[in-house]
Amino acid sequence: MHTVLSVNLADIFNIQDILCTVNAQHNCSEHRCGTANTRNVYQEREKTDQTRPVVSHIMPQDVVLNTAQMRDAVYVQKFRQRSATLDGERLITESAAREVVTQKALRKASESIPAPKAAALASSRQAAQLRRVTVLQEGSGASGSHT
């Protein structure tokens, strides 16, 4: 990822000289920032008893250019990191192999469960499989629209 270096420099520009906006985010994944603290939630300028977690950034000056949010891609495209090229056949083969292992483990687990519980498990397994197929279909439809 490309890092954004903060410098203590100020200047004045004409609005016509500004090409685009960029999105920069703290590099939380690299520093494993956590949510140790909390803060109160305000509603209509009133403090409530509700709280929400607050991220505690480690090395807050480490900021990266968020190329996933390229609103002005024509200017920022050169900073984008290319995704690894995937071998479609290998991807399908490995996914199918993982599915076979998962199904065998589920079958083995269901054989050791009493009949009433096994029926309920089979029903929930069918629902899970239907959800999985739906997600895969939605994913292939979405990925088919990209160039």
C-alpha atoms as a PDB file:
ATOM      1  CA  MET A   1       0.000   0.000   0.000  1.00  0.00           C
ATOM      2  CA  HIS A   2       1.080   3.519  -0.633  1.00  0.00           C
ATOM      3  CA  THR A   3       1.649   5.564   2.497  1.00  0.00           C
ATOM      4  CA  VAL A   4       0.702   9.197   2.897  1.00  0.00           C
ATOM      5  CA  LEU A   5       3.376  11.307   4.509  1.00  0.00           C
ATOM      6  CA  SER A   6       2.164  14.189   6.632  1.00  0.00           C
ATOM      7  CA  VAL A   7       4.280  17.331   6.458  1.00  0.00           C
ATOM      8  CA  ASN A   8       3.884  20.572   8.365  1.00  0.00           C
ATOM      9  CA  LEU A   9       3.457  22.693   5.281  1.00  0.00           C
ATOM     10  CA  ALA A  10       0.598  24.976   4.404  1.00  0.00           C
ATOM     11  CA  ASP A  11      -0.081  26.676   1.100  1.00  0.00           C
ATOM     12  CA  ILE A  12      -2.921  28.425  -0.664  1.00  0.00           C
ATOM     13  CA  PHE A  13      -4.232  27.158  -3.984  1.00  0.00           C
ATOM     14  CA  ASN A  14      -6.828  28.283  -6.464  1.00  0.00           C
ATOM     15  CA  ILE A  15      -9.825  25.989  -6.545  1.00  0.00           C
ATOM     16  CA  GLN A  16      -9.136  25.337 -10.260  1.00  0.00           C
ATOM     17  CA  ASP A  17      -5.725  23.858  -9.361  1.00  0.00           C
ATOM     18  CA  ILE A  18      -7.210  21.066  -7.227  1.00  0.00           C
ATOM     19  CA  LEU A  19      -7.547  17.931  -9.350  1.00  0.00           C
ATOM     20  CA  CYS A  20      -9.262  15.515  -7.006  1.00  0.00           C
ATOM     21  CA  THR A  21      -9.900  14.338  -3.472  1.00  0.00           C
ATOM     22  CA  VAL A  22      -8.342  11.219  -1.983  1.00  0.00           C
ATOM     23  CA  ASN A  23      -9.266   8.954   0.882  1.00  0.00           C
ATOM     24  CA  ALA A  24      -6.555   8.193   3.429  1.00  0.00           C
ATOM     25  CA  GLN A  25      -7.027   5.763   6.302  1.00  0.00           C
ATOM     26  CA  HIS A  26      -4.923   4.812   9.307  1.00  0.00           C
ATOM     27  CA  ASN A  27      -2.991   1.590   8.754  1.00  0.00           C
ATOM     28  CA  CYS A  28      -4.828  -0.333  11.493  1.00  0.00           C
ATOM     29  CA  SER A  29      -4.203  -3.754   9.944  1.00  0.00           C
ATOM     30  CA  GLU A  30      -0.431  -3.310  10.117  1.00  0.00           C
ATOM     31  CA  HIS A  31      -0.446  -2.037  13.711  1.00  0.00           C
ATOM     32  CA  ARG A  32      -3.331  -4.180  15.016  1.00  0.00           C
ATOM     33  CA  CYS A  33      -5.169  -1.218  16.507  1.00  0.00           C
ATOM     34  CA  GLY A  34      -7.830  -2.176  19.030  1.00  0.00           C
ATOM     35  CA  THR A  35     -10.942  -0.813  20.665  1.00  0.00           C
ATOM     36  CA  ALA A  36      -9.864  -0.643  24.284  1.00  0.00           C
ATOM     37  CA  ASN A  37     -11.806   2.545  25.077  1.00  0.00           C
ATOM     38  CA  THR A  38     -15.441   3.543  24.742  1.00  0.00           C
ATOM     39  CA  ARG A  39     -17.289   6.835  24.470  1.00  0.00           C
ATOM     40  CA  ASN A  40     -20.846   7.917  25.086  1.00  0.00           C
ATOM     41  CA  VAL A  41     -23.278   8.170  22.211  1.00  0.00           C
ATOM     42  CA  TYR A  42     -24.991  11.522  21.702  1.00  0.00           C
ATOM     43  CA  GLN A  43     -28.491  11.810  20.265  1.00  0.00           C
ATOM     44  CA  GLU A  44     -29.789  15.226  19.323  1.00  0.00           C
ATOM     45  CA  ARG A  45     -26.891  16.803  21.235  1.00  0.00           C
ATOM     46  CA  GLU A  46     -27.855  14.931  24.410  1.00  0.00           C
ATOM     47  CA  LYS A  47     -25.461  12.495  26.047  1.00  0.00           C
ATOM     48  CA  THR A  48     -27.014   9.017  26.399  1.00  0.00           C
ATOM     49  CA  ASP A  49     -26.095   6.032  28.544  1.00  0.00           C
ATOM     50  CA  GLN A  50     -25.190   4.097  25.399  1.00  0.00           C
ATOM     51  CA  THR A  51     -21.525   3.671  24.567  1.00  0.00           C
ATOM     52  CA  ARG A  52     -19.608   2.697  21.450  1.00  0.00           C
ATOM     53  CA  PRO A  53     -16.064   1.443  21.059  1.00  0.00           C
ATOM     54  CA  VAL A  54     -13.300   3.893  20.143  1.00  0.00           C
ATOM     55  CA  VAL A  55     -10.298   2.741  18.138  1.00  0.00           C
ATOM     56  CA  SER A  56      -6.958   3.400  19.807  1.00  0.00           C
ATOM     57  CA  HIS A  57      -4.542   3.951  16.931  1.00  0.00           C
ATOM     58  CA  ILE A  58      -0.953   2.857  17.356  1.00  0.00           C
ATOM     59  CA  MET A  59       1.393   5.156  15.404  1.00  0.00           C
ATOM     60  CA  PRO A  60      -1.419   7.505  14.265  1.00  0.00           C
ATOM     61  CA  GLN A  61       0.861   9.142  11.689  1.00  0.00           C
ATOM     62  CA  ASP A  62       0.982   5.899   9.618  1.00  0.00           C
ATOM     63  CA  VAL A  63      -1.695   6.609   7.021  1.00  0.00           C
ATOM     64  CA  VAL A  64      -2.255   4.787   3.729  1.00  0.00           C
ATOM     65  CA  LEU A  65      -3.891   5.864   0.498  1.00  0.00           C
ATOM     66  CA  ASN A  66      -7.217   4.055   0.280  1.00  0.00           C
ATOM     67  CA  THR A  67      -7.310   3.129  -3.396  1.00  0.00           C
ATOM     68  CA  ALA A  68     -10.525   1.166  -2.853  1.00  0.00           C
ATOM     69  CA  GLN A  69     -12.219   4.572  -2.508  1.00  0.00           C
ATOM     70  CA  MET A  70     -11.039   6.146  -5.747  1.00  0.00           C
ATOM     71  CA  ARG A  71     -13.677   8.746  -6.429  1.00  0.00           C
ATOM     72  CA  ASP A  72     -11.412  10.397  -8.990  1.00  0.00           C
ATOM     73  CA  ALA A  73      -9.820   7.268 -10.434  1.00  0.00           C
ATOM     74  CA  VAL A  74      -8.437   9.026 -13.486  1.00  0.00           C
ATOM     75  CA  TYR A  75      -5.924  10.811 -11.224  1.00  0.00           C
ATOM     76  CA  VAL A  76      -5.322   8.162  -8.568  1.00  0.00           C
ATOM     77  CA  GLN A  77      -5.344   4.995 -10.717  1.00  0.00           C
ATOM     78  CA  LYS A  78      -1.543   4.867 -10.993  1.00  0.00           C
ATOM     79  CA  PHE A  79      -1.317   4.282  -7.218  1.00  0.00           C
ATOM     80  CA  ARG A  80      -3.652   1.282  -7.257  1.00  0.00           C
ATOM     81  CA  GLN A  81      -2.136  -2.090  -6.418  1.00  0.00           C
ATOM     82  CA  ARG A  82      -3.108  -4.776  -8.869  1.00  0.00           C
ATOM     83  CA  SER A  83      -4.800  -7.868  -7.522  1.00  0.00           C
ATOM     84  CA  ALA A  84      -3.066 -11.172  -8.004  1.00  0.00           C
ATOM     85  CA  THR A  85      -4.186 -13.019 -11.119  1.00  0.00           C
ATOM     86  CA  LEU A  86      -6.187 -16.065 -10.126  1.00  0.00           C
ATOM     87  CA  ASP A  87      -6.089 -19.395 -11.933  1.00  0.00           C
ATOM     88  CA  GLY A  88      -9.802 -20.113 -12.393  1.00  0.00           C
ATOM     89  CA  GLU A  89      -9.434 -23.864 -12.790  1.00  0.00           C
ATOM     90  CA  ARG A  90      -7.247 -24.152  -9.682  1.00  0.00           C
ATOM     91  CA  LEU A  91      -9.657 -21.974  -7.712  1.00  0.00           C
ATOM     92  CA  ILE A  92     -12.639 -24.157  -8.638  1.00  0.00           C
ATOM     93  CA  THR A  93     -10.743 -27.402  -7.934  1.00  0.00           C
ATOM     94  CA  GLU A  94      -9.542 -26.227  -4.500  1.00  0.00           C
ATOM     95  CA  SER A  95     -12.997 -24.895  -3.600  1.00  0.00           C
ATOM     96  CA  ALA A  96     -14.635 -28.174  -4.617  1.00  0.00           C
ATOM     97  CA  ALA A  97     -12.069 -30.146  -2.587  1.00  0.00           C
ATOM     98  CA  ARG A  98     -12.761 -28.009   0.502  1.00  0.00           C
ATOM     99  CA  GLU A  99     -16.498 -28.511   0.006  1.00  0.00           C
ATOM    100  CA  VAL A 100     -16.064 -32.311  -0.200  1.00  0.00           C
ATOM    101  CA  VAL A 101     -14.036 -32.311   3.037  1.00  0.00           C
ATOM    102  CA  THR A 102     -16.682 -30.127   4.731  1.00  0.00           C
ATOM    103  CA  GLN A 103     -19.551 -32.355   3.560  1.00  0.00           C
ATOM    104  CA  LYS A 104     -17.742 -35.509   4.748  1.00  0.00           C
ATOM    105  CA  ALA A 105     -17.142 -33.928   8.167  1.00  0.00           C
ATOM    106  CA  LEU A 106     -20.810 -32.872   8.408  1.00  0.00           C
ATOM    107  CA  ARG A 107     -21.962 -36.358   7.398  1.00  0.00           C
ATOM    108  CA  LYS A 108     -19.660 -37.971   9.960  1.00  0.00           C
ATOM    109  CA  ALA A 109     -20.861 -35.592  12.678  1.00  0.00           C
ATOM    110  CA  SER A 110     -24.528 -36.173  11.837  1.00  0.00           C
ATOM    111  CA  GLU A 111     -24.090 -39.969  12.048  1.00  0.00           C
ATOM    112  CA  SER A 112     -23.174 -39.625  15.716  1.00  0.00           C
ATOM    113  CA  ILE A 113     -26.236 -37.462  16.526  1.00  0.00           C
ATOM    114  CA  PRO A 114     -29.562 -39.049  17.698  1.00  0.00           C
ATOM    115  CA  ALA A 115     -32.352 -39.201  15.057  1.00  0.00           C
ATOM    116  CA  PRO A 116     -34.542 -36.226  16.239  1.00  0.00           C
ATOM    117  CA  LYS A 117     -31.544 -33.923  16.450  1.00  0.00           C
ATOM    118  CA  ALA A 118     -30.221 -35.242  13.126  1.00  0.00           C
ATOM    119  CA  ALA A 119     -33.478 -34.267  11.381  1.00  0.00           C
ATOM    120  CA  ALA A 120     -33.262 -30.740  12.747  1.00  0.00           C
ATOM    121  CA  LEU A 121     -29.596 -30.584  11.753  1.00  0.00           C
ATOM    122  CA  ALA A 122     -30.402 -31.774   8.214  1.00  0.00           C
ATOM    123  CA  SER A 123     -32.982 -29.018   7.881  1.00  0.00           C
ATOM    124  CA  SER A 124     -30.536 -26.356   9.059  1.00  0.00           C
ATOM    125  CA  ARG A 125     -27.829 -27.823   6.799  1.00  0.00           C
ATOM    126  CA  GLN A 126     -30.154 -27.532   3.788  1.00  0.00           C
ATOM    127  CA  ALA A 127     -30.839 -23.905   4.707  1.00  0.00           C
ATOM    128  CA  ALA A 128     -27.102 -23.257   5.036  1.00  0.00           C
ATOM    129  CA  GLN A 129     -26.447 -24.862   1.648  1.00  0.00           C
ATOM    130  CA  LEU A 130     -29.179 -22.751   0.072  1.00  0.00           C
ATOM    131  CA  ARG A 131     -27.596 -19.609   1.576  1.00  0.00           C
ATOM    132  CA  ARG A 132     -24.173 -20.700   0.310  1.00  0.00           C
ATOM    133  CA  VAL A 133     -25.506 -21.266  -3.233  1.00  0.00           C
ATOM    134  CA  THR A 134     -27.266 -17.886  -3.153  1.00  0.00           C
ATOM    135  CA  VAL A 135     -24.078 -16.123  -2.048  1.00  0.00           C
ATOM    136  CA  LEU A 136     -22.060 -17.886  -4.750  1.00  0.00           C
ATOM    137  CA  GLN A 137     -24.618 -16.967  -7.402  1.00  0.00           C
ATOM    138  CA  GLU A 138     -24.677 -13.342  -6.279  1.00  0.00           C
ATOM    139  CA  GLY A 139     -20.888 -13.273  -6.237  1.00  0.00           C
ATOM    140  CA  SER A 140     -20.571 -14.689  -9.749  1.00  0.00           C
ATOM    141  CA  GLY A 141     -23.152 -12.218 -11.025  1.00  0.00           C
ATOM    142  CA  ALA A 142     -21.277  -9.319  -9.431  1.00  0.00           C
ATOM    143  CA  SER A 143     -17.873 -10.463 -10.658  1.00  0.00           C
ATOM    144  CA  GLY A 144     -19.214 -10.969 -14.166  1.00  0.00           C
ATOM    145  CA  SER A 145     -19.969  -7.248 -14.448  1.00  0.00           C
ATOM    146  CA  HIS A 146     -16.355  -6.162 -13.854  1.00  0.00           C
ATOM    147  CA  THR A 147     -13.902  -5.779 -16.694  1.00  0.00           C
END
